[in-house]
Amino acid sequence: MIIRDITAADLSSIHAINEAAAPGVHGESLEQLAAITRESCIAILAEVGGVVAAFVQVLPPRADYESTNYRWFSMRFDDFVYLDRVAVAADQRGRGIGSRLYEEVERRTRAAWITLEVNLRPRNDGSLPFHARKGLVEVGQQETDYGALVSLMAKRIR
């Protein structure tokens, strides 16, 4: 497995993974994923056998990003990064790729907190225990403008 930065040439691959992972991750247009990548302080992917298998996008404070969940964390945390999305191709799940990406995010960031949300409605039964194992705890819940109920989670890393 190779972990590297996302490039423009990777956008169609990460878009396909993102859309296949809905509703666990919010669907986005190719252009919006490109914009999120540009705003990200960490935008990395995992390649397995030369094929993109997973990706993660992480936003810093004060990013130009209109997510309801991102705004919730921005109002409550100063020194944080927001893990906007992590998605693993269906045929690559259960192989530790998501864990490796999280470890790389923690290695690369200097922020005190990692924050993110996980769907409670529709329930993301794969993501909730994964994030608990990674040490994230619920710090709030909210109804979103896109009709989901989310668990807002954080982990102190520094």
C-alpha atoms as a PDB file:
ATOM      1  CA  MET A   1       0.000   0.000   0.000  1.00  0.00           C
ATOM      2  CA  ILE A   2       1.190   3.494  -0.880  1.00  0.00           C
ATOM      3  CA  ILE A   3      -0.147   6.595   0.875  1.00  0.00           C
ATOM      4  CA  ARG A   4       0.335   9.827  -1.041  1.00  0.00           C
ATOM      5  CA  ASP A   5      -1.171  13.261  -1.635  1.00  0.00           C
ATOM      6  CA  ILE A   6      -4.221  13.523  -3.883  1.00  0.00           C
ATOM      7  CA  THR A   7      -3.495  15.089  -7.286  1.00  0.00           C
ATOM      8  CA  ALA A   8      -5.872  16.455  -9.913  1.00  0.00           C
ATOM      9  CA  ALA A   9      -5.418  13.225 -11.864  1.00  0.00           C
ATOM     10  CA  ASP A  10      -6.953  11.303  -8.920  1.00  0.00           C
ATOM     11  CA  LEU A  11     -10.207  13.252  -8.745  1.00  0.00           C
ATOM     12  CA  SER A  12     -12.308  10.915 -10.900  1.00  0.00           C
ATOM     13  CA  SER A  13     -11.158   7.912  -8.842  1.00  0.00           C
ATOM     14  CA  ILE A  14     -11.916   9.528  -5.490  1.00  0.00           C
ATOM     15  CA  HIS A  15     -15.250  10.784  -6.839  1.00  0.00           C
ATOM     16  CA  ALA A  16     -16.256   7.223  -7.776  1.00  0.00           C
ATOM     17  CA  ILE A  17     -15.265   5.944  -4.313  1.00  0.00           C
ATOM     18  CA  ASN A  18     -17.086   8.828  -2.628  1.00  0.00           C
ATOM     19  CA  GLU A  19     -20.327   8.312  -4.528  1.00  0.00           C
ATOM     20  CA  ALA A  20     -20.291   4.553  -3.934  1.00  0.00           C
ATOM     21  CA  ALA A  21     -19.879   5.163  -0.177  1.00  0.00           C
ATOM     22  CA  ALA A  22     -23.045   7.285   0.190  1.00  0.00           C
ATOM     23  CA  PRO A  23     -24.876   7.753   2.487  1.00  0.00           C
ATOM     24  CA  GLY A  24     -21.889   7.066   4.768  1.00  0.00           C
ATOM     25  CA  VAL A  25     -20.274  10.092   3.160  1.00  0.00           C
ATOM     26  CA  HIS A  26     -22.173  12.952   1.593  1.00  0.00           C
ATOM     27  CA  GLY A  27     -22.379  12.834  -2.202  1.00  0.00           C
ATOM     28  CA  GLU A  28     -20.512  15.611  -4.010  1.00  0.00           C
ATOM     29  CA  SER A  29     -19.939  16.686  -7.568  1.00  0.00           C
ATOM     30  CA  LEU A  30     -16.487  16.193  -9.056  1.00  0.00           C
ATOM     31  CA  GLU A  31     -16.016  19.977  -8.943  1.00  0.00           C
ATOM     32  CA  GLN A  32     -16.972  20.140  -5.255  1.00  0.00           C
ATOM     33  CA  LEU A  33     -14.541  17.331  -4.374  1.00  0.00           C
ATOM     34  CA  ALA A  34     -11.825  19.251  -6.205  1.00  0.00           C
ATOM     35  CA  ALA A  35     -12.701  22.386  -4.200  1.00  0.00           C
ATOM     36  CA  ILE A  36     -12.602  20.441  -0.912  1.00  0.00           C
ATOM     37  CA  THR A  37      -9.214  19.012  -1.895  1.00  0.00           C
ATOM     38  CA  ARG A  38      -7.880  22.538  -2.532  1.00  0.00           C
ATOM     39  CA  GLU A  39      -9.172  23.744   0.869  1.00  0.00           C
ATOM     40  CA  SER A  40      -7.786  20.711   2.694  1.00  0.00           C
ATOM     41  CA  CYS A  41      -4.661  20.857   4.826  1.00  0.00           C
ATOM     42  CA  ILE A  42      -4.369  17.081   4.367  1.00  0.00           C
ATOM     43  CA  ALA A  43      -5.743  15.375   1.242  1.00  0.00           C
ATOM     44  CA  ILE A  44      -4.292  11.910   0.873  1.00  0.00           C
ATOM     45  CA  LEU A  45      -5.150   8.583  -0.674  1.00  0.00           C
ATOM     46  CA  ALA A  46      -4.123   4.964  -0.426  1.00  0.00           C
ATOM     47  CA  GLU A  47      -3.147   3.008  -3.514  1.00  0.00           C
ATOM     48  CA  VAL A  48      -3.201  -0.767  -3.573  1.00  0.00           C
ATOM     49  CA  GLY A  49      -1.665  -2.411  -6.611  1.00  0.00           C
ATOM     50  CA  GLY A  50      -1.541   0.927  -8.398  1.00  0.00           C
ATOM     51  CA  VAL A  51      -5.304   1.528  -7.945  1.00  0.00           C
ATOM     52  CA  VAL A  52      -6.825   4.172  -5.681  1.00  0.00           C
ATOM     53  CA  ALA A  53      -8.418   2.247  -2.806  1.00  0.00           C
ATOM     54  CA  ALA A  54      -9.360   5.002  -0.333  1.00  0.00           C
ATOM     55  CA  PHE A  55      -8.985   8.692   0.400  1.00  0.00           C
ATOM     56  CA  VAL A  56      -9.333  11.248   3.167  1.00  0.00           C
ATOM     57  CA  GLN A  57      -9.810  15.028   3.118  1.00  0.00           C
ATOM     58  CA  VAL A  58      -9.065  17.095   6.224  1.00  0.00           C
ATOM     59  CA  LEU A  59      -9.878  20.784   6.601  1.00  0.00           C
ATOM     60  CA  PRO A  60      -8.110  23.334   8.827  1.00  0.00           C
ATOM     61  CA  PRO A  61      -9.819  26.032  10.906  1.00  0.00           C
ATOM     62  CA  ARG A  62     -11.103  28.997   8.882  1.00  0.00           C
ATOM     63  CA  ALA A  63     -11.448  27.019   5.646  1.00  0.00           C
ATOM     64  CA  ASP A  64     -13.826  28.327   3.007  1.00  0.00           C
ATOM     65  CA  TYR A  65     -16.313  25.520   3.556  1.00  0.00           C
ATOM     66  CA  GLU A  66     -20.034  25.792   4.154  1.00  0.00           C
ATOM     67  CA  SER A  67     -20.724  22.462   5.887  1.00  0.00           C
ATOM     68  CA  THR A  68     -23.159  22.666   8.806  1.00  0.00           C
ATOM     69  CA  ASN A  69     -21.016  20.160  10.695  1.00  0.00           C
ATOM     70  CA  TYR A  70     -17.762  22.002   9.979  1.00  0.00           C
ATOM     71  CA  ARG A  71     -19.354  25.246  11.234  1.00  0.00           C
ATOM     72  CA  TRP A  72     -20.446  23.469  14.458  1.00  0.00           C
ATOM     73  CA  PHE A  73     -16.841  22.524  15.223  1.00  0.00           C
ATOM     74  CA  SER A  74     -15.523  25.931  14.143  1.00  0.00           C
ATOM     75  CA  MET A  75     -17.731  27.603  16.756  1.00  0.00           C
ATOM     76  CA  ARG A  76     -16.484  25.335  19.564  1.00  0.00           C
ATOM     77  CA  PHE A  77     -12.841  24.448  18.814  1.00  0.00           C
ATOM     78  CA  ASP A  78      -9.852  26.648  17.993  1.00  0.00           C
ATOM     79  CA  ASP A  79      -6.997  24.230  17.415  1.00  0.00           C
ATOM     80  CA  PHE A  80      -8.587  21.466  15.355  1.00  0.00           C
ATOM     81  CA  VAL A  81      -8.720  19.762  12.012  1.00  0.00           C
ATOM     82  CA  TYR A  82     -11.983  18.526  10.553  1.00  0.00           C
ATOM     83  CA  LEU A  83     -11.926  15.148   8.881  1.00  0.00           C
ATOM     84  CA  ASP A  84     -14.498  15.959   6.231  1.00  0.00           C
ATOM     85  CA  ARG A  85     -14.579  12.568   4.585  1.00  0.00           C
ATOM     86  CA  VAL A  86     -12.853   9.242   4.497  1.00  0.00           C
ATOM     87  CA  ALA A  87     -14.022   6.649   2.024  1.00  0.00           C
ATOM     88  CA  VAL A  88     -12.712   3.197   1.213  1.00  0.00           C
ATOM     89  CA  ALA A  89     -13.631   1.306  -1.959  1.00  0.00           C
ATOM     90  CA  ALA A  90     -16.094  -1.490  -1.161  1.00  0.00           C
ATOM     91  CA  ASP A  91     -13.715  -4.223  -2.314  1.00  0.00           C
ATOM     92  CA  GLN A  92     -10.942  -2.860  -0.071  1.00  0.00           C
ATOM     93  CA  ARG A  93     -12.850  -2.574   3.230  1.00  0.00           C
ATOM     94  CA  GLY A  94     -11.723  -4.596   6.223  1.00  0.00           C
ATOM     95  CA  ARG A  95      -8.051  -4.513   5.237  1.00  0.00           C
ATOM     96  CA  GLY A  96      -6.890  -1.767   7.611  1.00  0.00           C
ATOM     97  CA  ILE A  97      -6.664   0.916   4.922  1.00  0.00           C
ATOM     98  CA  GLY A  98      -8.911   3.358   6.797  1.00  0.00           C
ATOM     99  CA  SER A  99      -6.834   2.881   9.945  1.00  0.00           C
ATOM    100  CA  ARG A 100      -3.623   3.583   8.045  1.00  0.00           C
ATOM    101  CA  LEU A 101      -5.095   6.789   6.631  1.00  0.00           C
ATOM    102  CA  TYR A 102      -6.150   7.924  10.113  1.00  0.00           C
ATOM    103  CA  GLU A 103      -2.657   7.213  11.458  1.00  0.00           C
ATOM    104  CA  GLU A 104      -1.204   9.294   8.643  1.00  0.00           C
ATOM    105  CA  VAL A 105      -3.589  12.179   9.386  1.00  0.00           C
ATOM    106  CA  GLU A 106      -2.538  12.115  13.049  1.00  0.00           C
ATOM    107  CA  ARG A 107       1.127  12.031  12.005  1.00  0.00           C
ATOM    108  CA  ARG A 108       0.757  14.975   9.620  1.00  0.00           C
ATOM    109  CA  THR A 109      -1.360  17.334  11.704  1.00  0.00           C
ATOM    110  CA  ARG A 110      -0.143  19.661  14.423  1.00  0.00           C
ATOM    111  CA  ALA A 111      -3.674  20.428  15.646  1.00  0.00           C
ATOM    112  CA  ALA A 112      -4.761  19.515  19.166  1.00  0.00           C
ATOM    113  CA  TRP A 113      -8.038  17.919  18.036  1.00  0.00           C
ATOM    114  CA  ILE A 114      -9.351  15.779  15.214  1.00  0.00           C
ATOM    115  CA  THR A 115     -13.078  16.304  14.682  1.00  0.00           C
ATOM    116  CA  LEU A 116     -15.663  14.652  12.454  1.00  0.00           C
ATOM    117  CA  GLU A 117     -19.247  13.477  12.306  1.00  0.00           C
ATOM    118  CA  VAL A 118     -20.846  10.089  11.786  1.00  0.00           C
ATOM    119  CA  ASN A 119     -24.419   9.525  10.681  1.00  0.00           C
ATOM    120  CA  LEU A 120     -26.844   8.311  13.310  1.00  0.00           C
ATOM    121  CA  ARG A 121     -29.746   8.636  10.864  1.00  0.00           C
ATOM    122  CA  PRO A 122     -29.283   7.037   8.435  1.00  0.00           C
ATOM    123  CA  ARG A 123     -27.168   4.969  10.804  1.00  0.00           C
ATOM    124  CA  ASN A 124     -23.614   4.211   9.752  1.00  0.00           C
ATOM    125  CA  ASP A 125     -23.052   0.975  11.669  1.00  0.00           C
ATOM    126  CA  GLY A 126     -19.595   0.444  10.162  1.00  0.00           C
ATOM    127  CA  SER A 127     -18.278   3.893  10.988  1.00  0.00           C
ATOM    128  CA  LEU A 128     -19.497   4.260  14.581  1.00  0.00           C
ATOM    129  CA  PRO A 129     -17.480   1.365  16.092  1.00  0.00           C
ATOM    130  CA  PHE A 130     -14.486   2.160  13.853  1.00  0.00           C
ATOM    131  CA  HIS A 131     -14.293   5.704  15.213  1.00  0.00           C
ATOM    132  CA  ALA A 132     -14.811   4.527  18.789  1.00  0.00           C
ATOM    133  CA  ARG A 133     -11.831   2.174  18.339  1.00  0.00           C
ATOM    134  CA  LYS A 134      -9.821   5.130  17.065  1.00  0.00           C
ATOM    135  CA  GLY A 135     -10.537   7.017  20.306  1.00  0.00           C
ATOM    136  CA  LEU A 136     -13.118   9.509  19.059  1.00  0.00           C
ATOM    137  CA  VAL A 137     -15.940  10.351  21.443  1.00  0.00           C
ATOM    138  CA  GLU A 138     -19.254  12.070  20.906  1.00  0.00           C
ATOM    139  CA  VAL A 139     -19.217  15.749  21.864  1.00  0.00           C
ATOM    140  CA  GLY A 140     -22.637  16.602  20.440  1.00  0.00           C
ATOM    141  CA  GLN A 141     -25.394  15.721  18.000  1.00  0.00           C
ATOM    142  CA  GLN A 142     -27.220  17.763  15.429  1.00  0.00           C
ATOM    143  CA  GLU A 143     -29.829  17.592  12.713  1.00  0.00           C
ATOM    144  CA  THR A 144     -28.263  18.618   9.418  1.00  0.00           C
ATOM    145  CA  ASP A 145     -29.566  20.721   6.580  1.00  0.00           C
ATOM    146  CA  TYR A 146     -29.425  17.590   4.382  1.00  0.00           C
ATOM    147  CA  GLY A 147     -31.784  15.578   6.605  1.00  0.00           C
ATOM    148  CA  ALA A 148     -29.382  13.433   8.642  1.00  0.00           C
ATOM    149  CA  LEU A 149     -28.857  13.218  12.376  1.00  0.00           C
ATOM    150  CA  VAL A 150     -25.137  13.107  13.138  1.00  0.00           C
ATOM    151  CA  SER A 151     -22.907  12.305  16.072  1.00  0.00           C
ATOM    152  CA  LEU A 152     -20.265  15.040  16.324  1.00  0.00           C
ATOM    153  CA  MET A 153     -17.049  13.394  17.485  1.00  0.00           C
ATOM    154  CA  ALA A 154     -13.621  14.572  18.606  1.00  0.00           C
ATOM    155  CA  LYS A 155     -10.297  13.160  19.714  1.00  0.00           C
ATOM    156  CA  ARG A 156      -7.566  15.095  21.503  1.00  0.00           C
ATOM    157  CA  ILE A 157      -4.232  14.180  19.917  1.00  0.00           C
ATOM    158  CA  ARG A 158      -1.890  16.856  21.335  1.00  0.00           C
END
